[in-house]
């Protein structure tokens, strides 16, 4: 997708492509890359919301998340092992 100065153009096409390669949707990648170009990449990362700690999640939710991100071998893990797997993937 080309960069430019119109209302629907990307301000940081390189970051956009990196985000798309990592699996972000077109809309999300464009929003993040344009905010990074406007405010600086480090500021955009700090501005995000806070996610709850995996320790607060149920085992069922941890297993669901492991499945969503494509991990394997999680079905017989204890909660502490699931948390470790998710953090270190």
N, C-alpha and C. Protein backbone atom coordinates (compact mmCIF):
# COMPACT_ATOMS: atom_id res chain seq x y z
N UNK A 1 0.85 -1.17 0.00
CA UNK A 1 0.00 0.00 0.00
C UNK A 1 0.90 1.24 0.00
N UNK A 2 0.72 2.15 -0.92
CA UNK A 2 1.62 3.30 -1.02
C UNK A 2 1.35 4.36 0.04
N UNK A 3 2.42 5.08 0.38
CA UNK A 3 2.28 6.21 1.32
C UNK A 3 1.93 7.46 0.55
N UNK A 4 1.54 8.51 1.23
CA UNK A 4 1.18 9.75 0.56
C UNK A 4 0.66 10.75 1.55
N UNK A 5 -0.07 11.73 1.02
CA UNK A 5 -0.56 12.78 1.90
C UNK A 5 -2.07 12.94 1.87
N UNK A 6 -2.79 12.08 1.15
CA UNK A 6 -4.25 12.15 1.11
C UNK A 6 -4.87 11.63 2.39
N UNK A 7 -6.19 11.78 2.54
CA UNK A 7 -6.85 11.38 3.77
C UNK A 7 -6.80 9.87 4.03
N UNK A 8 -6.65 9.06 3.00
CA UNK A 8 -6.61 7.61 3.17
C UNK A 8 -5.21 7.03 2.92
N UNK A 9 -4.18 7.83 3.13
CA UNK A 9 -2.83 7.36 2.85
C UNK A 9 -2.12 6.96 4.12
N UNK A 10 -1.10 6.13 3.95
CA UNK A 10 -0.29 5.67 5.08
C UNK A 10 0.86 6.64 5.31
N UNK A 11 1.08 6.94 6.56
CA UNK A 11 2.17 7.86 6.91
C UNK A 11 3.46 7.11 7.21
N UNK A 12 3.36 5.82 7.55
CA UNK A 12 4.53 4.98 7.83
C UNK A 12 4.32 3.61 7.19
N UNK A 13 4.49 3.53 5.85
CA UNK A 13 4.21 2.29 5.13
C UNK A 13 5.07 1.11 5.60
N UNK A 14 6.29 1.38 6.03
CA UNK A 14 7.16 0.30 6.50
C UNK A 14 6.57 -0.38 7.75
N UNK A 15 6.13 0.41 8.71
CA UNK A 15 5.51 -0.14 9.91
C UNK A 15 4.21 -0.85 9.55
N UNK A 16 3.45 -0.29 8.64
CA UNK A 16 2.20 -0.92 8.18
C UNK A 16 2.48 -2.33 7.69
N UNK A 17 3.47 -2.49 6.84
CA UNK A 17 3.79 -3.81 6.29
C UNK A 17 4.26 -4.77 7.38
N UNK A 18 5.05 -4.29 8.34
CA UNK A 18 5.48 -5.14 9.46
C UNK A 18 4.28 -5.63 10.25
N UNK A 19 3.34 -4.74 10.53
CA UNK A 19 2.15 -5.12 11.29
C UNK A 19 1.28 -6.11 10.53
N UNK A 20 1.13 -5.89 9.23
CA UNK A 20 0.36 -6.83 8.39
C UNK A 20 1.02 -8.20 8.37
N UNK A 21 2.36 -8.22 8.27
CA UNK A 21 3.10 -9.50 8.28
C UNK A 21 2.91 -10.23 9.60
N UNK A 22 2.72 -9.48 10.68
CA UNK A 22 2.50 -10.07 12.01
C UNK A 22 1.05 -10.47 12.23
N UNK A 23 0.17 -10.21 11.25
CA UNK A 23 -1.20 -10.67 11.35
C UNK A 23 -2.23 -9.61 11.69
N UNK A 24 -1.84 -8.34 11.79
CA UNK A 24 -2.80 -7.28 12.09
C UNK A 24 -3.72 -7.05 10.89
N UNK A 25 -4.95 -6.64 11.15
CA UNK A 25 -5.87 -6.32 10.06
C UNK A 25 -5.38 -5.06 9.34
N UNK A 26 -5.89 -4.83 8.15
CA UNK A 26 -5.50 -3.64 7.39
C UNK A 26 -5.83 -2.38 8.18
N UNK A 27 -7.03 -2.35 8.76
CA UNK A 27 -7.47 -1.17 9.51
C UNK A 27 -6.57 -0.92 10.73
N UNK A 28 -6.31 -1.97 11.49
CA UNK A 28 -5.48 -1.82 12.69
C UNK A 28 -4.06 -1.40 12.32
N UNK A 29 -3.48 -2.03 11.29
CA UNK A 29 -2.12 -1.70 10.86
C UNK A 29 -2.04 -0.25 10.40
N UNK A 30 -3.04 0.22 9.66
CA UNK A 30 -3.04 1.60 9.18
C UNK A 30 -3.17 2.58 10.35
N UNK A 31 -4.05 2.26 11.29
CA UNK A 31 -4.27 3.14 12.44
C UNK A 31 -3.00 3.26 13.27
N UNK A 32 -2.33 2.14 13.53
CA UNK A 32 -1.11 2.15 14.34
C UNK A 32 0.03 2.84 13.61
N UNK A 33 0.19 2.53 12.33
CA UNK A 33 1.31 3.13 11.58
C UNK A 33 1.14 4.65 11.44
N UNK A 34 -0.09 5.11 11.24
CA UNK A 34 -0.31 6.55 11.14
C UNK A 34 -0.12 7.25 12.48
N UNK A 35 -0.55 6.61 13.56
CA UNK A 35 -0.33 7.20 14.89
C UNK A 35 1.15 7.23 15.22
N UNK A 36 1.89 6.20 14.82
CA UNK A 36 3.33 6.16 15.07
C UNK A 36 4.04 7.26 14.30
N UNK A 37 3.62 7.51 13.07
CA UNK A 37 4.24 8.58 12.28
C UNK A 37 3.93 9.95 12.89
N UNK A 38 2.74 10.08 13.42
CA UNK A 38 2.32 11.36 14.01
C UNK A 38 2.99 11.61 15.36
N UNK A 39 2.99 10.60 16.23
CA UNK A 39 3.42 10.80 17.62
C UNK A 39 4.78 10.18 17.95
N UNK A 40 5.29 9.34 17.08
CA UNK A 40 6.52 8.61 17.36
C UNK A 40 6.18 7.20 17.81
N UNK A 41 6.97 6.24 17.38
CA UNK A 41 6.66 4.83 17.66
C UNK A 41 6.63 4.52 19.15
N UNK A 42 7.54 5.09 19.92
CA UNK A 42 7.58 4.75 21.35
C UNK A 42 6.36 5.30 22.08
N UNK A 43 5.84 6.45 21.68
CA UNK A 43 4.66 7.02 22.34
C UNK A 43 3.41 6.20 22.06
N UNK A 44 3.29 5.65 20.87
CA UNK A 44 2.12 4.85 20.52
C UNK A 44 2.08 3.59 21.38
N UNK A 45 3.21 2.97 21.62
CA UNK A 45 3.26 1.77 22.45
C UNK A 45 2.89 2.05 23.90
N UNK A 46 3.25 3.18 24.41
CA UNK A 46 2.94 3.53 25.80
C UNK A 46 1.49 3.91 25.99
N UNK A 47 0.85 4.39 24.93
CA UNK A 47 -0.50 4.91 25.03
C UNK A 47 -1.55 3.81 25.13
N UNK A 48 -1.23 2.60 24.77
CA UNK A 48 -2.19 1.51 24.77
C UNK A 48 -2.77 1.22 26.13
N UNK A 49 -3.84 0.45 26.15
CA UNK A 49 -4.50 0.09 27.40
C UNK A 49 -3.70 -0.95 28.17
N UNK A 50 -4.13 -1.21 29.37
CA UNK A 50 -3.48 -2.21 30.21
C UNK A 50 -4.27 -3.51 30.12
N UNK A 51 -3.56 -4.58 29.91
CA UNK A 51 -4.17 -5.89 29.89
C UNK A 51 -4.08 -6.49 31.27
N UNK A 52 -5.08 -7.24 31.65
CA UNK A 52 -5.05 -7.92 32.93
C UNK A 52 -3.95 -8.97 32.96
N UNK A 53 -3.48 -9.29 34.14
CA UNK A 53 -2.43 -10.28 34.30
C UNK A 53 -2.99 -11.67 34.00
N UNK A 54 -2.19 -12.53 33.37
CA UNK A 54 -2.62 -13.89 33.10
C UNK A 54 -2.98 -14.63 34.39
N UNK A 55 -2.39 -14.24 35.52
CA UNK A 55 -2.72 -14.89 36.78
C UNK A 55 -4.18 -14.68 37.16
N UNK A 56 -4.80 -13.62 36.65
CA UNK A 56 -6.19 -13.34 36.94
C UNK A 56 -7.16 -14.10 36.03
N UNK A 57 -6.63 -14.74 34.99
CA UNK A 57 -7.46 -15.46 34.03
C UNK A 57 -7.79 -16.85 34.58
N UNK A 58 -8.89 -17.42 34.09
CA UNK A 58 -9.22 -18.80 34.42
C UNK A 58 -8.41 -19.73 33.52
N UNK A 59 -8.28 -20.98 33.94
CA UNK A 59 -7.57 -21.97 33.13
C UNK A 59 -8.27 -22.11 31.78
N UNK A 60 -9.57 -22.09 31.78
CA UNK A 60 -10.34 -22.21 30.53
C UNK A 60 -9.99 -21.07 29.57
N UNK A 61 -9.92 -19.84 30.10
CA UNK A 61 -9.57 -18.69 29.25
C UNK A 61 -8.13 -18.76 28.77
N UNK A 62 -7.23 -19.23 29.62
CA UNK A 62 -5.83 -19.38 29.22
C UNK A 62 -5.70 -20.38 28.08
N UNK A 63 -6.42 -21.49 28.18
CA UNK A 63 -6.38 -22.50 27.12
C UNK A 63 -6.99 -21.96 25.83
N UNK A 64 -8.05 -21.19 25.96
CA UNK A 64 -8.67 -20.57 24.78
C UNK A 64 -7.68 -19.64 24.09
N UNK A 65 -6.96 -18.85 24.88
CA UNK A 65 -5.96 -17.92 24.32
C UNK A 65 -4.83 -18.68 23.66
N UNK A 66 -4.38 -19.76 24.29
CA UNK A 66 -3.31 -20.58 23.71
C UNK A 66 -3.74 -21.12 22.35
N UNK A 67 -4.98 -21.56 22.27
CA UNK A 67 -5.50 -22.05 20.99
C UNK A 67 -5.56 -20.95 19.95
N UNK A 68 -6.02 -19.75 20.36
CA UNK A 68 -6.14 -18.61 19.44
C UNK A 68 -4.81 -18.25 18.80
N UNK A 69 -3.73 -18.33 19.59
CA UNK A 69 -2.44 -17.92 19.04
C UNK A 69 -1.63 -19.08 18.47
N UNK A 70 -2.25 -20.27 18.42
CA UNK A 70 -1.64 -21.40 17.72
C UNK A 70 -0.64 -22.20 18.53
N UNK A 71 -0.69 -22.13 19.84
CA UNK A 71 0.21 -22.95 20.65
C UNK A 71 -0.30 -24.38 20.67
N UNK A 72 0.60 -25.32 20.90
CA UNK A 72 0.19 -26.71 21.02
C UNK A 72 0.72 -27.28 22.33
N UNK A 73 0.14 -28.39 22.78
CA UNK A 73 0.58 -29.04 23.99
C UNK A 73 0.11 -28.36 25.26
N UNK A 74 -0.97 -27.60 25.18
CA UNK A 74 -1.44 -26.85 26.35
C UNK A 74 -2.57 -27.56 27.10
N UNK A 75 -3.19 -28.57 26.50
CA UNK A 75 -4.41 -29.13 27.07
C UNK A 75 -4.22 -29.78 28.44
N UNK A 76 -3.04 -30.32 28.73
CA UNK A 76 -2.83 -30.98 30.02
C UNK A 76 -2.00 -30.14 30.99
N UNK A 77 -1.81 -28.88 30.69
CA UNK A 77 -0.97 -28.00 31.52
C UNK A 77 -1.75 -27.44 32.70
N UNK A 78 -1.02 -27.21 33.78
CA UNK A 78 -1.58 -26.50 34.94
C UNK A 78 -1.56 -25.01 34.65
N UNK A 79 -2.25 -24.25 35.47
CA UNK A 79 -2.38 -22.81 35.26
C UNK A 79 -1.02 -22.13 35.16
N UNK A 80 -0.12 -22.41 36.08
CA UNK A 80 1.20 -21.76 36.06
C UNK A 80 1.97 -22.10 34.79
N UNK A 81 1.80 -23.32 34.29
CA UNK A 81 2.47 -23.72 33.05
C UNK A 81 1.86 -23.00 31.85
N UNK A 82 0.55 -22.85 31.86
CA UNK A 82 -0.12 -22.13 30.77
C UNK A 82 0.33 -20.67 30.73
N UNK A 83 0.40 -20.04 31.90
CA UNK A 83 0.85 -18.65 31.98
C UNK A 83 2.25 -18.53 31.41
N UNK A 84 3.12 -19.45 31.78
CA UNK A 84 4.49 -19.43 31.28
C UNK A 84 4.53 -19.60 29.77
N UNK A 85 3.74 -20.53 29.25
CA UNK A 85 3.70 -20.75 27.80
C UNK A 85 3.25 -19.50 27.06
N UNK A 86 2.22 -18.85 27.58
CA UNK A 86 1.69 -17.66 26.92
C UNK A 86 2.67 -16.50 26.96
N UNK A 87 3.34 -16.35 28.06
CA UNK A 87 4.30 -15.26 28.19
C UNK A 87 5.53 -15.45 27.33
N UNK A 88 5.91 -16.70 27.13
CA UNK A 88 7.17 -16.98 26.42
C UNK A 88 6.99 -17.42 24.98
N UNK A 89 5.78 -17.31 24.46
CA UNK A 89 5.58 -17.76 23.06
C UNK A 89 6.21 -16.83 22.08
